[in-house]
Amino acid sequence: MKKDFKISDYLHSLCKEMYRIIGANISKYGITPQQGRIIRFLALNQENPVYQKDVEAFLNIRKSSVSSAIKNLEKSGLITRSHNPEDGRYKRINLTAAGLSIYEETRKNSQLVETKLRTNLEDAEIEFLEKTFQKLKKNLETRRKKC
C-alpha cells in the first residue's frame, strides 16, 4: 500500500474537475453547480413535498447556504415556495416550468460526465467503488459525531 497516497487529495481533485466541467455548462443558465443540484433534487422528487430541511440533508450543507441558494432560485423564477397547509412554519419548494427546463438541459451534460467517469471501468470496479465510497462516507459520519 502506498503510504503517500491521500484519498482526500484524489477525491478533492476529482470533485474540482467535475465541478469545472459541470459549472462551465450550467453557468450559461445563470446558476451555480450547487443550485443545479437543488434543481435536480426537486426534479427527481416532484411527486413528494420537498422542504428546505430535505434539501439540506440531500446536499449535506448548512441551512444558511441552502437558504441563500433557494432565495436566488426563487428570484430567478426557477422555483416557488408555498406554505404547508398542515404546518405554516414550513414552505414547500416547487420547481417551475423554467426550472424543469434547465434540469432537462443540464441533465444531458451530467450524463456525459457520468459516462466519462465510467469509461474503462468494469462493472466489478464500479461496484467496488460504490462500496468503498459508502465506507468512506460512514467513516467521516462516525468521526463527525465523535468530534
C-alpha atoms as a PDB file:
ATOM      1  CA  MET A   1       0.000   0.000   0.000  1.00  0.00           C
ATOM      2  CA  LYS A   2       1.284   3.446  -0.897  1.00  0.00           C
ATOM      3  CA  LYS A   3       1.726   5.448   2.285  1.00  0.00           C
ATOM      4  CA  ASP A   4       1.912   8.771   0.474  1.00  0.00           C
ATOM      5  CA  PHE A   5      -1.419   8.173  -1.317  1.00  0.00           C
ATOM      6  CA  LYS A   6      -4.013  10.549   0.145  1.00  0.00           C
ATOM      7  CA  ILE A   7      -7.626   9.635  -0.521  1.00  0.00           C
ATOM      8  CA  SER A   8      -8.765  13.146   0.353  1.00  0.00           C
ATOM      9  CA  ASP A   9      -6.431  14.704  -2.238  1.00  0.00           C
ATOM     10  CA  TYR A  10      -7.719  12.459  -5.023  1.00  0.00           C
ATOM     11  CA  LEU A  11     -11.363  12.984  -4.075  1.00  0.00           C
ATOM     12  CA  HIS A  12     -10.870  16.750  -3.863  1.00  0.00           C
ATOM     13  CA  SER A  13      -9.164  16.824  -7.251  1.00  0.00           C
ATOM     14  CA  LEU A  14     -11.862  14.664  -8.837  1.00  0.00           C
ATOM     15  CA  CYS A  15     -14.661  16.821  -7.404  1.00  0.00           C
ATOM     16  CA  LYS A  16     -12.967  20.024  -8.569  1.00  0.00           C
ATOM     17  CA  GLU A  17     -12.614  18.641 -12.098  1.00  0.00           C
ATOM     18  CA  MET A  18     -16.260  17.512 -12.186  1.00  0.00           C
ATOM     19  CA  TYR A  19     -17.454  20.900 -10.909  1.00  0.00           C
ATOM     20  CA  ARG A  20     -15.296  22.629 -13.525  1.00  0.00           C
ATOM     21  CA  ILE A  21     -16.920  20.635 -16.333  1.00  0.00           C
ATOM     22  CA  ILE A  22     -20.458  20.864 -14.972  1.00  0.00           C
ATOM     23  CA  GLY A  23     -20.006  24.509 -13.935  1.00  0.00           C
ATOM     24  CA  ALA A  24     -18.917  25.514 -17.430  1.00  0.00           C
ATOM     25  CA  ASN A  25     -22.114  24.044 -18.839  1.00  0.00           C
ATOM     26  CA  ILE A  26     -24.501  25.172 -16.130  1.00  0.00           C
ATOM     27  CA  SER A  27     -23.221  28.761 -15.899  1.00  0.00           C
ATOM     28  CA  LYS A  28     -24.932  29.638 -19.183  1.00  0.00           C
ATOM     29  CA  TYR A  29     -28.224  29.243 -17.298  1.00  0.00           C
ATOM     30  CA  GLY A  30     -27.117  31.709 -14.625  1.00  0.00           C
ATOM     31  CA  ILE A  31     -26.954  29.146 -11.827  1.00  0.00           C
ATOM     32  CA  THR A  32     -24.194  27.558  -9.772  1.00  0.00           C
ATOM     33  CA  PRO A  33     -23.459  23.813  -9.597  1.00  0.00           C
ATOM     34  CA  GLN A  34     -24.985  23.797  -6.099  1.00  0.00           C
ATOM     35  CA  GLN A  35     -28.181  25.392  -7.393  1.00  0.00           C
ATOM     36  CA  GLY A  36     -28.130  22.842 -10.209  1.00  0.00           C
ATOM     37  CA  ARG A  37     -28.043  20.042  -7.634  1.00  0.00           C
ATOM     38  CA  ILE A  38     -31.035  21.594  -5.855  1.00  0.00           C
ATOM     39  CA  ILE A  39     -32.938  21.756  -9.150  1.00  0.00           C
ATOM     40  CA  ARG A  40     -32.009  18.113  -9.840  1.00  0.00           C
ATOM     41  CA  PHE A  41     -33.211  17.052  -6.375  1.00  0.00           C
ATOM     42  CA  LEU A  42     -36.517  18.868  -6.871  1.00  0.00           C
ATOM     43  CA  ALA A  43     -36.973  17.395 -10.359  1.00  0.00           C
ATOM     44  CA  LEU A  44     -36.391  13.865  -9.088  1.00  0.00           C
ATOM     45  CA  ASN A  45     -38.802  14.387  -6.180  1.00  0.00           C
ATOM     46  CA  GLN A  46     -41.690  16.179  -7.884  1.00  0.00           C
ATOM     47  CA  GLU A  47     -44.174  13.611  -6.611  1.00  0.00           C
ATOM     48  CA  ASN A  48     -43.280  14.327  -2.969  1.00  0.00           C
ATOM     49  CA  PRO A  49     -43.428  17.511  -0.921  1.00  0.00           C
ATOM     50  CA  VAL A  50     -39.896  18.909  -0.543  1.00  0.00           C
ATOM     51  CA  TYR A  51     -38.871  21.342   2.195  1.00  0.00           C
ATOM     52  CA  GLN A  52     -35.632  23.172   2.912  1.00  0.00           C
ATOM     53  CA  LYS A  53     -34.592  20.572   5.502  1.00  0.00           C
ATOM     54  CA  ASP A  54     -34.831  17.880   2.791  1.00  0.00           C
ATOM     55  CA  VAL A  55     -32.513  19.873   0.527  1.00  0.00           C
ATOM     56  CA  GLU A  56     -30.085  20.431   3.428  1.00  0.00           C
ATOM     57  CA  ALA A  57     -29.970  16.697   4.122  1.00  0.00           C
ATOM     58  CA  PHE A  58     -29.527  15.788   0.449  1.00  0.00           C
ATOM     59  CA  LEU A  59     -26.733  18.293  -0.185  1.00  0.00           C
ATOM     60  CA  ASN A  60     -25.244  17.838   3.291  1.00  0.00           C
ATOM     61  CA  ILE A  61     -24.687  21.576   3.692  1.00  0.00           C
ATOM     62  CA  ARG A  62     -25.604  24.273   6.206  1.00  0.00           C
ATOM     63  CA  LYS A  63     -29.053  25.765   6.499  1.00  0.00           C
ATOM     64  CA  SER A  64     -27.783  29.257   5.610  1.00  0.00           C
ATOM     65  CA  SER A  65     -26.190  28.027   2.358  1.00  0.00           C
ATOM     66  CA  VAL A  66     -29.389  26.291   1.275  1.00  0.00           C
ATOM     67  CA  SER A  67     -31.492  29.292   2.272  1.00  0.00           C
ATOM     68  CA  SER A  68     -29.370  31.623   0.139  1.00  0.00           C
ATOM     69  CA  ALA A  69     -29.436  29.271  -2.869  1.00  0.00           C
ATOM     70  CA  ILE A  70     -33.209  28.828  -2.595  1.00  0.00           C
ATOM     71  CA  LYS A  71     -33.777  32.602  -2.402  1.00  0.00           C
ATOM     72  CA  ASN A  72     -31.703  33.099  -5.556  1.00  0.00           C
ATOM     73  CA  LEU A  73     -33.519  30.301  -7.399  1.00  0.00           C
ATOM     74  CA  GLU A  74     -36.858  31.824  -6.404  1.00  0.00           C
ATOM     75  CA  LYS A  75     -35.719  35.290  -7.548  1.00  0.00           C
ATOM     76  CA  SER A  76     -34.725  33.762 -10.889  1.00  0.00           C
ATOM     77  CA  GLY A  77     -38.171  32.198 -11.295  1.00  0.00           C
ATOM     78  CA  LEU A  78     -36.840  28.625 -11.213  1.00  0.00           C
ATOM     79  CA  ILE A  79     -38.658  27.597  -8.031  1.00  0.00           C
ATOM     80  CA  THR A  80     -41.621  28.744  -5.973  1.00  0.00           C
ATOM     81  CA  ARG A  81     -42.300  28.316  -2.282  1.00  0.00           C
ATOM     82  CA  SER A  82     -45.713  27.701  -0.792  1.00  0.00           C
ATOM     83  CA  HIS A  83     -46.873  27.321   2.803  1.00  0.00           C
ATOM     84  CA  ASN A  84     -47.551  23.853   4.123  1.00  0.00           C
ATOM     85  CA  PRO A  85     -51.281  23.808   4.967  1.00  0.00           C
ATOM     86  CA  GLU A  86     -50.614  21.452   7.901  1.00  0.00           C
ATOM     87  CA  ASP A  87     -47.744  23.471   9.389  1.00  0.00           C
ATOM     88  CA  GLY A  88     -47.324  27.098   8.347  1.00  0.00           C
ATOM     89  CA  ARG A  89     -43.716  27.191   9.585  1.00  0.00           C
ATOM     90  CA  TYR A  90     -42.603  25.106   6.617  1.00  0.00           C
ATOM     91  CA  LYS A  91     -42.632  26.161   2.989  1.00  0.00           C
ATOM     92  CA  ARG A  92     -42.839  23.564   0.274  1.00  0.00           C
ATOM     93  CA  ILE A  93     -40.334  24.097  -2.545  1.00  0.00           C
ATOM     94  CA  ASN A  94     -41.659  23.560  -6.057  1.00  0.00           C
ATOM     95  CA  LEU A  95     -39.854  23.551  -9.376  1.00  0.00           C
ATOM     96  CA  THR A  96     -41.285  25.875 -12.031  1.00  0.00           C
ATOM     97  CA  ALA A  97     -41.516  25.009 -15.724  1.00  0.00           C
ATOM     98  CA  ALA A  98     -38.372  27.113 -16.282  1.00  0.00           C
ATOM     99  CA  GLY A  99     -36.552  25.171 -13.556  1.00  0.00           C
ATOM    100  CA  LEU A 100     -37.639  21.857 -15.046  1.00  0.00           C
ATOM    101  CA  SER A 101     -36.443  23.003 -18.458  1.00  0.00           C
ATOM    102  CA  ILE A 102     -32.985  23.784 -17.050  1.00  0.00           C
ATOM    103  CA  TYR A 103     -32.930  20.372 -15.367  1.00  0.00           C
ATOM    104  CA  GLU A 104     -33.677  18.649 -18.681  1.00  0.00           C
ATOM    105  CA  GLU A 105     -30.948  20.602 -20.475  1.00  0.00           C
ATOM    106  CA  THR A 106     -28.264  20.166 -17.816  1.00  0.00           C
ATOM    107  CA  ARG A 107     -29.123  16.501 -17.222  1.00  0.00           C
ATOM    108  CA  LYS A 108     -27.673  15.656 -20.627  1.00  0.00           C
ATOM    109  CA  ASN A 109     -24.304  17.157 -19.667  1.00  0.00           C
ATOM    110  CA  SER A 110     -24.343  15.421 -16.279  1.00  0.00           C
ATOM    111  CA  GLN A 111     -24.984  12.100 -18.008  1.00  0.00           C
ATOM    112  CA  LEU A 112     -21.997  12.739 -20.285  1.00  0.00           C
ATOM    113  CA  VAL A 113     -19.797  13.388 -17.238  1.00  0.00           C
ATOM    114  CA  GLU A 114     -21.053  10.176 -15.597  1.00  0.00           C
ATOM    115  CA  THR A 115     -20.358   8.221 -18.787  1.00  0.00           C
ATOM    116  CA  LYS A 116     -16.864   9.708 -18.960  1.00  0.00           C
ATOM    117  CA  LEU A 117     -16.203   8.729 -15.330  1.00  0.00           C
ATOM    118  CA  ARG A 118     -17.249   5.139 -16.049  1.00  0.00           C
ATOM    119  CA  THR A 119     -15.101   4.833 -19.185  1.00  0.00           C
ATOM    120  CA  ASN A 120     -12.641   1.924 -18.913  1.00  0.00           C
ATOM    121  CA  LEU A 121     -14.212   0.685 -15.660  1.00  0.00           C
ATOM    122  CA  GLU A 122     -15.603  -2.823 -15.376  1.00  0.00           C
ATOM    123  CA  ASP A 123     -18.887  -3.433 -13.537  1.00  0.00           C
ATOM    124  CA  ALA A 124     -16.960  -5.058 -10.681  1.00  0.00           C
ATOM    125  CA  GLU A 125     -14.783  -1.948 -10.338  1.00  0.00           C
ATOM    126  CA  ILE A 126     -17.844   0.300 -10.205  1.00  0.00           C
ATOM    127  CA  GLU A 127     -19.394  -1.938  -7.536  1.00  0.00           C
ATOM    128  CA  PHE A 128     -16.140  -1.817  -5.583  1.00  0.00           C
ATOM    129  CA  LEU A 129     -16.060   1.983  -5.834  1.00  0.00           C
ATOM    130  CA  GLU A 130     -19.643   2.238  -4.625  1.00  0.00           C
ATOM    131  CA  LYS A 131     -18.928   0.076  -1.577  1.00  0.00           C
ATOM    132  CA  THR A 132     -15.691   1.934  -0.886  1.00  0.00           C
ATOM    133  CA  PHE A 133     -17.345   5.363  -1.106  1.00  0.00           C
ATOM    134  CA  GLN A 134     -20.107   4.187   1.241  1.00  0.00           C
ATOM    135  CA  LYS A 135     -17.460   3.095   3.755  1.00  0.00           C
ATOM    136  CA  LEU A 136     -15.580   6.378   3.421  1.00  0.00           C
ATOM    137  CA  LYS A 137     -18.773   8.353   3.994  1.00  0.00           C
ATOM    138  CA  LYS A 138     -19.642   6.243   7.018  1.00  0.00           C
ATOM    139  CA  ASN A 139     -16.121   6.731   8.411  1.00  0.00           C
ATOM    140  CA  LEU A 140     -16.499  10.501   8.176  1.00  0.00           C
ATOM    141  CA  GLU A 141     -20.015  10.495   9.613  1.00  0.00           C
ATOM    142  CA  THR A 142     -18.799   8.439  12.563  1.00  0.00           C
ATOM    143  CA  ARG A 143     -15.832  10.776  13.019  1.00  0.00           C
ATOM    144  CA  ARG A 144     -18.057  13.869  12.894  1.00  0.00           C
ATOM    145  CA  LYS A 145     -20.260  12.507  15.678  1.00  0.00           C
ATOM    146  CA  LYS A 146     -17.213  11.989  17.917  1.00  0.00           C
ATOM    147  CA  CYS A 147     -15.828  15.496  17.376  1.00  0.00           C
END
